[in-house]
Amino acid sequence: MVIKIKYEPFKEIVVKEIVEYPSPDSLARFLGAYLKAGQLIVPNWTEGVLFCYFPLPLTTESLVKEYFDGRVYWSTIMFTLMPTYQEVLKIDAAEVPVIDVSHNPSLKRIAKWLKARFKGQS
C-alpha cells in the first residue's frame, strides 16, 4: 500500500481584532496581566514584529468546516515593532521566552502584513 501525502496550506487567515502597542515594553506589561492570572502567552517574533495571536478553537461545526475549506479564524493579534530579536521579554520579575518564528512562512507573511498595513494606525 502506498500512502499519498498531500500538503494543503491554509488559503486564508481571518483576523477579527488587531491591537497595536507602541513598544515591546507596553506589550510586555499587557502580557504581565495574563501571567498574573496564571496564563502563559508566548510571544512570537519575525520580520521585526513581536506578536501574539489567538486562534478561535474549533468548537462548532461551522468552524470545523471553514478549517477544512482552508480558512482559519483568529480572534485577536496583539503586536508591536521590535527590529531586533530578543530571546526573552522581562515582565515585572518574570522572563517570558520569545519564539523566533522566522522559519514559518505563514507567520512571516502575517508579520510583514502587520508591519505594512497597521503601523501607526491604531
N, C-alpha and C. Protein backbone atom coordinates (compact mmCIF):
# COMPACT_ATOMS: atom_id res chain seq x y z
N MET A 1 0.84 -1.18 0.00
CA MET A 1 0.00 0.00 0.00
C MET A 1 0.89 1.25 0.00
N VAL A 2 0.59 2.16 -0.89
CA VAL A 2 1.32 3.42 -0.96
C VAL A 2 0.49 4.50 -0.28
N ILE A 3 1.13 5.22 0.61
CA ILE A 3 0.45 6.31 1.30
C ILE A 3 0.67 7.59 0.53
N LYS A 4 -0.40 8.24 0.18
CA LYS A 4 -0.33 9.52 -0.51
C LYS A 4 -0.22 10.63 0.54
N ILE A 5 0.71 11.54 0.32
CA ILE A 5 0.87 12.68 1.21
C ILE A 5 0.57 13.94 0.41
N LYS A 6 -0.27 14.77 0.97
CA LYS A 6 -0.68 15.99 0.28
C LYS A 6 -0.50 17.17 1.21
N TYR A 7 0.16 18.20 0.74
CA TYR A 7 0.31 19.44 1.50
C TYR A 7 -0.77 20.40 1.03
N GLU A 8 -1.54 20.91 1.99
CA GLU A 8 -2.64 21.80 1.66
C GLU A 8 -2.64 22.98 2.63
N PRO A 9 -1.86 24.02 2.33
CA PRO A 9 -1.79 25.15 3.26
C PRO A 9 -3.11 25.89 3.35
N PHE A 10 -3.24 26.67 4.42
CA PHE A 10 -4.43 27.48 4.58
C PHE A 10 -4.52 28.48 3.43
N LYS A 11 -5.74 28.74 3.00
CA LYS A 11 -5.97 29.72 1.94
C LYS A 11 -6.15 31.12 2.51
N GLU A 12 -6.64 31.18 3.76
CA GLU A 12 -6.98 32.48 4.33
C GLU A 12 -6.93 32.42 5.85
N ILE A 13 -6.40 33.48 6.44
CA ILE A 13 -6.47 33.69 7.89
C ILE A 13 -7.31 34.94 8.10
N VAL A 14 -8.40 34.79 8.82
CA VAL A 14 -9.30 35.90 9.09
C VAL A 14 -9.04 36.38 10.52
N VAL A 15 -8.65 37.64 10.67
CA VAL A 15 -8.36 38.21 11.97
C VAL A 15 -9.49 39.17 12.34
N LYS A 16 -10.08 38.96 13.49
CA LYS A 16 -11.23 39.77 13.89
C LYS A 16 -10.83 41.05 14.62
N GLU A 17 -9.70 41.07 15.30
CA GLU A 17 -9.26 42.27 16.02
C GLU A 17 -7.74 42.34 15.99
N ILE A 18 -7.22 43.54 15.75
CA ILE A 18 -5.78 43.78 15.76
C ILE A 18 -5.50 44.93 16.71
N VAL A 19 -4.58 44.70 17.65
CA VAL A 19 -4.23 45.72 18.63
C VAL A 19 -2.74 45.99 18.50
N GLU A 20 -2.40 47.23 18.16
CA GLU A 20 -1.01 47.63 18.04
C GLU A 20 -0.56 48.32 19.33
N TYR A 21 0.57 47.91 19.84
CA TYR A 21 1.17 48.52 21.03
C TYR A 21 2.33 49.40 20.58
N PRO A 22 2.57 50.50 21.30
CA PRO A 22 3.60 51.44 20.86
C PRO A 22 5.04 50.94 21.04
N SER A 23 5.24 49.92 21.90
CA SER A 23 6.60 49.45 22.15
C SER A 23 6.56 48.02 22.68
N PRO A 24 7.69 47.30 22.61
CA PRO A 24 7.74 45.97 23.22
C PRO A 24 7.45 46.00 24.72
N ASP A 25 7.90 47.05 25.40
CA ASP A 25 7.64 47.16 26.85
C ASP A 25 6.15 47.26 27.14
N SER A 26 5.42 48.03 26.33
CA SER A 26 3.97 48.18 26.58
C SER A 26 3.24 46.86 26.32
N LEU A 27 3.64 46.12 25.30
CA LEU A 27 3.05 44.80 25.06
C LEU A 27 3.41 43.85 26.20
N ALA A 28 4.65 43.92 26.68
CA ALA A 28 5.08 43.06 27.79
C ALA A 28 4.27 43.36 29.05
N ARG A 29 4.00 44.62 29.32
CA ARG A 29 3.19 44.97 30.50
C ARG A 29 1.79 44.36 30.39
N PHE A 30 1.21 44.40 29.19
CA PHE A 30 -0.10 43.80 28.99
C PHE A 30 -0.05 42.29 29.22
N LEU A 31 0.98 41.65 28.67
CA LEU A 31 1.13 40.20 28.85
C LEU A 31 1.33 39.84 30.32
N GLY A 32 1.90 40.77 31.09
CA GLY A 32 2.08 40.54 32.51
C GLY A 32 0.77 40.28 33.23
N ALA A 33 -0.30 40.91 32.79
CA ALA A 33 -1.61 40.66 33.39
C ALA A 33 -2.03 39.21 33.19
N TYR A 34 -1.74 38.66 32.02
CA TYR A 34 -2.04 37.24 31.78
C TYR A 34 -1.20 36.35 32.68
N LEU A 35 0.08 36.71 32.85
CA LEU A 35 0.95 35.92 33.72
C LEU A 35 0.42 35.91 35.15
N LYS A 36 0.00 37.06 35.63
CA LYS A 36 -0.51 37.15 37.00
C LYS A 36 -1.78 36.33 37.17
N ALA A 37 -2.53 36.15 36.08
CA ALA A 37 -3.76 35.35 36.14
C ALA A 37 -3.46 33.85 35.94
N GLY A 38 -2.17 33.53 35.79
CA GLY A 38 -1.80 32.12 35.64
C GLY A 38 -1.81 31.60 34.22
N GLN A 39 -1.99 32.48 33.25
CA GLN A 39 -2.00 32.05 31.84
C GLN A 39 -0.67 32.45 31.20
N LEU A 40 -0.11 31.54 30.45
CA LEU A 40 1.13 31.83 29.77
C LEU A 40 0.85 32.09 28.30
N ILE A 41 1.32 33.20 27.82
CA ILE A 41 1.23 33.53 26.40
C ILE A 41 2.66 33.69 25.91
N VAL A 42 3.03 32.93 24.91
CA VAL A 42 4.38 33.01 24.38
C VAL A 42 4.37 33.88 23.13
N PRO A 43 5.05 35.04 23.20
CA PRO A 43 5.07 35.92 22.03
C PRO A 43 5.97 35.36 20.92
N ASN A 44 5.62 35.72 19.71
CA ASN A 44 6.37 35.31 18.52
C ASN A 44 7.10 36.52 17.95
N TRP A 45 8.20 36.27 17.23
CA TRP A 45 8.94 37.34 16.57
C TRP A 45 9.39 36.86 15.20
N THR A 46 9.22 37.73 14.21
CA THR A 46 9.82 37.57 12.89
C THR A 46 9.67 38.88 12.14
N GLU A 47 10.54 39.12 11.20
CA GLU A 47 10.45 40.29 10.32
C GLU A 47 10.37 41.61 11.09
N GLY A 48 10.96 41.65 12.29
CA GLY A 48 10.95 42.89 13.06
C GLY A 48 9.64 43.16 13.78
N VAL A 49 8.79 42.14 13.91
CA VAL A 49 7.49 42.30 14.56
C VAL A 49 7.37 41.29 15.71
N LEU A 50 6.99 41.79 16.87
CA LEU A 50 6.70 40.97 18.04
C LEU A 50 5.18 40.86 18.12
N PHE A 51 4.65 39.64 18.18
CA PHE A 51 3.19 39.49 18.17
C PHE A 51 2.72 38.24 18.88
N CYS A 52 1.48 38.29 19.33
CA CYS A 52 0.77 37.15 19.91
C CYS A 52 -0.54 37.02 19.15
N TYR A 53 -0.94 35.81 18.87
CA TYR A 53 -2.22 35.61 18.19
C TYR A 53 -3.04 34.57 18.94
N PHE A 54 -4.35 34.68 18.76
CA PHE A 54 -5.29 33.84 19.49
C PHE A 54 -6.27 33.20 18.51
N PRO A 55 -5.97 31.98 18.05
CA PRO A 55 -6.90 31.33 17.13
C PRO A 55 -8.20 30.93 17.84
N LEU A 56 -9.29 31.02 17.11
CA LEU A 56 -10.56 30.53 17.65
C LEU A 56 -10.51 29.01 17.68
N PRO A 57 -10.90 28.40 18.78
CA PRO A 57 -10.90 26.94 18.84
C PRO A 57 -11.99 26.36 17.92
N LEU A 58 -11.72 25.18 17.42
CA LEU A 58 -12.66 24.52 16.50
C LEU A 58 -13.75 23.83 17.32
N THR A 59 -14.65 24.64 17.86
CA THR A 59 -15.67 24.12 18.77
C THR A 59 -17.06 24.04 18.15
N THR A 60 -17.20 24.47 16.91
CA THR A 60 -18.50 24.37 16.26
C THR A 60 -18.34 23.69 14.91
N GLU A 61 -19.42 23.15 14.41
CA GLU A 61 -19.37 22.50 13.09
C GLU A 61 -18.98 23.48 12.00
N SER A 62 -19.47 24.72 12.11
CA SER A 62 -19.17 25.70 11.06
C SER A 62 -17.68 26.06 11.06
N LEU A 63 -17.05 26.18 12.23
CA LEU A 63 -15.62 26.47 12.28
C LEU A 63 -14.79 25.30 11.75
N VAL A 64 -15.23 24.09 12.06
CA VAL A 64 -14.54 22.90 11.54
C VAL A 64 -14.64 22.86 10.02
N LYS A 65 -15.82 23.17 9.48
CA LYS A 65 -15.99 23.20 8.02
C LYS A 65 -15.09 24.25 7.39
N GLU A 66 -15.06 25.45 7.98
CA GLU A 66 -14.19 26.52 7.48
C GLU A 66 -12.73 26.06 7.49
N TYR A 67 -12.33 25.40 8.56
CA TYR A 67 -10.96 24.91 8.70
C TYR A 67 -10.61 23.97 7.55
N PHE A 68 -11.48 23.03 7.28
CA PHE A 68 -11.20 22.07 6.21
C PHE A 68 -11.33 22.70 4.83
N ASP A 69 -12.01 23.83 4.75
CA ASP A 69 -12.07 24.58 3.49
C ASP A 69 -10.87 25.51 3.32
N GLY A 70 -9.98 25.54 4.33
CA GLY A 70 -8.76 26.33 4.22
C GLY A 70 -8.80 27.70 4.86
N ARG A 71 -9.80 27.95 5.69
CA ARG A 71 -9.94 29.27 6.33
C ARG A 71 -9.81 29.09 7.85
N VAL A 72 -8.94 29.91 8.45
CA VAL A 72 -8.71 29.88 9.88
C VAL A 72 -9.13 31.23 10.45
N TYR A 73 -9.71 31.22 11.64
CA TYR A 73 -10.12 32.46 12.30
C TYR A 73 -9.27 32.69 13.54
N TRP A 74 -8.73 33.89 13.64
CA TRP A 74 -8.03 34.33 14.84
C TRP A 74 -8.87 35.43 15.46
N SER A 75 -9.12 35.33 16.76
CA SER A 75 -9.91 36.38 17.41
C SER A 75 -9.11 37.67 17.51
N THR A 76 -7.82 37.57 17.84
CA THR A 76 -7.03 38.77 18.10
C THR A 76 -5.57 38.55 17.75
N ILE A 77 -4.94 39.60 17.26
CA ILE A 77 -3.48 39.68 17.18
C ILE A 77 -3.09 40.94 17.93
N MET A 78 -2.13 40.80 18.85
CA MET A 78 -1.53 41.94 19.53
C MET A 78 -0.10 42.03 19.01
N PHE A 79 0.35 43.25 18.65
CA PHE A 79 1.69 43.34 18.08
C PHE A 79 2.34 44.68 18.34
N THR A 80 3.64 44.70 18.13
CA THR A 80 4.44 45.92 18.15
C THR A 80 5.69 45.67 17.32
N LEU A 81 6.33 46.73 16.89
CA LEU A 81 7.58 46.57 16.17
C LEU A 81 8.72 46.32 17.17
N MET A 82 9.57 45.39 16.82
CA MET A 82 10.77 45.10 17.60
C MET A 82 11.83 44.68 16.59
N PRO A 83 12.61 45.64 16.10
CA PRO A 83 13.53 45.36 14.99
C PRO A 83 14.51 44.22 15.23
N THR A 84 14.99 44.07 16.46
CA THR A 84 15.99 43.05 16.76
C THR A 84 15.38 41.99 17.67
N TYR A 85 15.64 40.74 17.34
CA TYR A 85 15.13 39.62 18.14
C TYR A 85 15.75 39.62 19.53
N GLN A 86 14.92 39.39 20.54
CA GLN A 86 15.37 39.19 21.93
C GLN A 86 14.82 37.85 22.40
N GLU A 87 15.66 37.06 23.05
CA GLU A 87 15.23 35.73 23.48
C GLU A 87 14.17 35.76 24.57
N VAL A 88 14.16 36.82 25.39
CA VAL A 88 13.17 36.92 26.47
C VAL A 88 12.66 38.34 26.58
N LEU A 89 11.44 38.46 27.08
CA LEU A 89 10.87 39.74 27.49
C LEU A 89 10.82 39.73 29.01
N LYS A 90 11.25 40.79 29.62
CA LYS A 90 11.17 40.90 31.07
C LYS A 90 9.83 41.54 31.42
N ILE A 91 9.04 40.80 32.19
CA ILE A 91 7.73 41.27 32.61
C ILE A 91 7.72 41.23 34.13
N ASP A 92 7.79 42.40 34.74
CA ASP A 92 7.96 42.51 36.19
C ASP A 92 9.18 41.67 36.58
N ALA A 93 9.01 40.69 37.46
CA ALA A 93 10.14 39.86 37.87
C ALA A 93 10.30 38.62 36.99
N ALA A 94 9.38 38.41 36.08
CA ALA A 94 9.40 37.19 35.26
C ALA A 94 10.08 37.46 33.91
N GLU A 95 10.59 36.39 33.34
CA GLU A 95 11.12 36.44 31.98
C GLU A 95 10.28 35.50 31.12
N VAL A 96 9.76 36.03 30.02
CA VAL A 96 8.92 35.24 29.12
C VAL A 96 9.72 34.99 27.84
N PRO A 97 9.83 33.72 27.42
CA PRO A 97 10.58 33.45 26.19
C PRO A 97 9.86 34.00 24.97
N VAL A 98 10.64 34.47 24.01
CA VAL A 98 10.11 34.94 22.72
C VAL A 98 10.55 33.92 21.68
N ILE A 99 9.62 33.41 20.92
CA ILE A 99 9.91 32.39 19.93
C ILE A 99 10.21 33.06 18.58
N ASP A 100 11.36 32.75 18.02
CA ASP A 100 11.72 33.23 16.69
C ASP A 100 11.04 32.32 15.68
N VAL A 101 10.01 32.83 15.01
CA VAL A 101 9.24 32.03 14.06
C VAL A 101 9.60 32.36 12.61
N SER A 102 10.82 32.84 12.42
CA SER A 102 11.26 33.23 11.08
C SER A 102 11.26 32.08 10.08
N HIS A 103 11.27 30.86 10.57
CA HIS A 103 11.24 29.69 9.71
C HIS A 103 9.82 29.35 9.22
N ASN A 104 8.81 30.01 9.78
CA ASN A 104 7.42 29.70 9.45
C ASN A 104 6.91 30.69 8.40
N PRO A 105 6.70 30.22 7.15
CA PRO A 105 6.30 31.15 6.09
C PRO A 105 4.97 31.86 6.36
N SER A 106 4.02 31.19 6.98
CA SER A 106 2.72 31.82 7.25
C SER A 106 2.86 32.95 8.27
N LEU A 107 3.61 32.71 9.34
CA LEU A 107 3.77 33.73 10.36
C LEU A 107 4.65 34.88 9.86
N LYS A 108 5.62 34.58 9.00
CA LYS A 108 6.41 35.66 8.39
C LYS A 108 5.51 36.56 7.56
N ARG A 109 4.60 35.95 6.84
CA ARG A 109 3.68 36.73 6.00
C ARG A 109 2.76 37.61 6.85
N ILE A 110 2.27 37.05 7.94
CA ILE A 110 1.44 37.83 8.88
C ILE A 110 2.22 39.03 9.39
N ALA A 111 3.47 38.81 9.81
CA ALA A 111 4.29 39.90 10.36
C ALA A 111 4.52 40.99 9.31
N LYS A 112 4.83 40.60 8.10
CA LYS A 112 5.04 41.60 7.03
C LYS A 112 3.74 42.38 6.78
N TRP A 113 2.63 41.69 6.77
CA TRP A 113 1.33 42.32 6.55
C TRP A 113 1.02 43.32 7.66
N LEU A 114 1.26 42.91 8.92
CA LEU A 114 1.03 43.81 10.05
C LEU A 114 1.90 45.06 9.94
N LYS A 115 3.16 44.86 9.66
CA LYS A 115 4.11 45.97 9.61
C LYS A 115 3.72 46.95 8.50
N ALA A 116 3.33 46.45 7.36
CA ALA A 116 2.99 47.30 6.22
C ALA A 116 1.66 48.01 6.39
N ARG A 117 0.70 47.34 6.99
CA ARG A 117 -0.66 47.85 6.99
C ARG A 117 -1.05 48.66 8.22
N PHE A 118 -0.52 48.31 9.38
CA PHE A 118 -1.10 48.86 10.60
C PHE A 118 -0.19 49.77 11.40
N LYS A 119 1.07 49.90 11.06
CA LYS A 119 1.94 50.72 11.91
C LYS A 119 1.42 52.15 12.00
N GLY A 120 1.13 52.54 13.24
CA GLY A 120 0.68 53.90 13.48
C GLY A 120 -0.79 54.17 13.25
N GLN A 121 -1.58 53.14 12.93
CA GLN A 121 -2.99 53.36 12.63
C GLN A 121 -3.93 53.02 13.78
N SER A 122 -3.39 52.53 14.89
CA SER A 122 -4.30 52.14 15.97
C SER A 122 -4.69 53.32 16.82
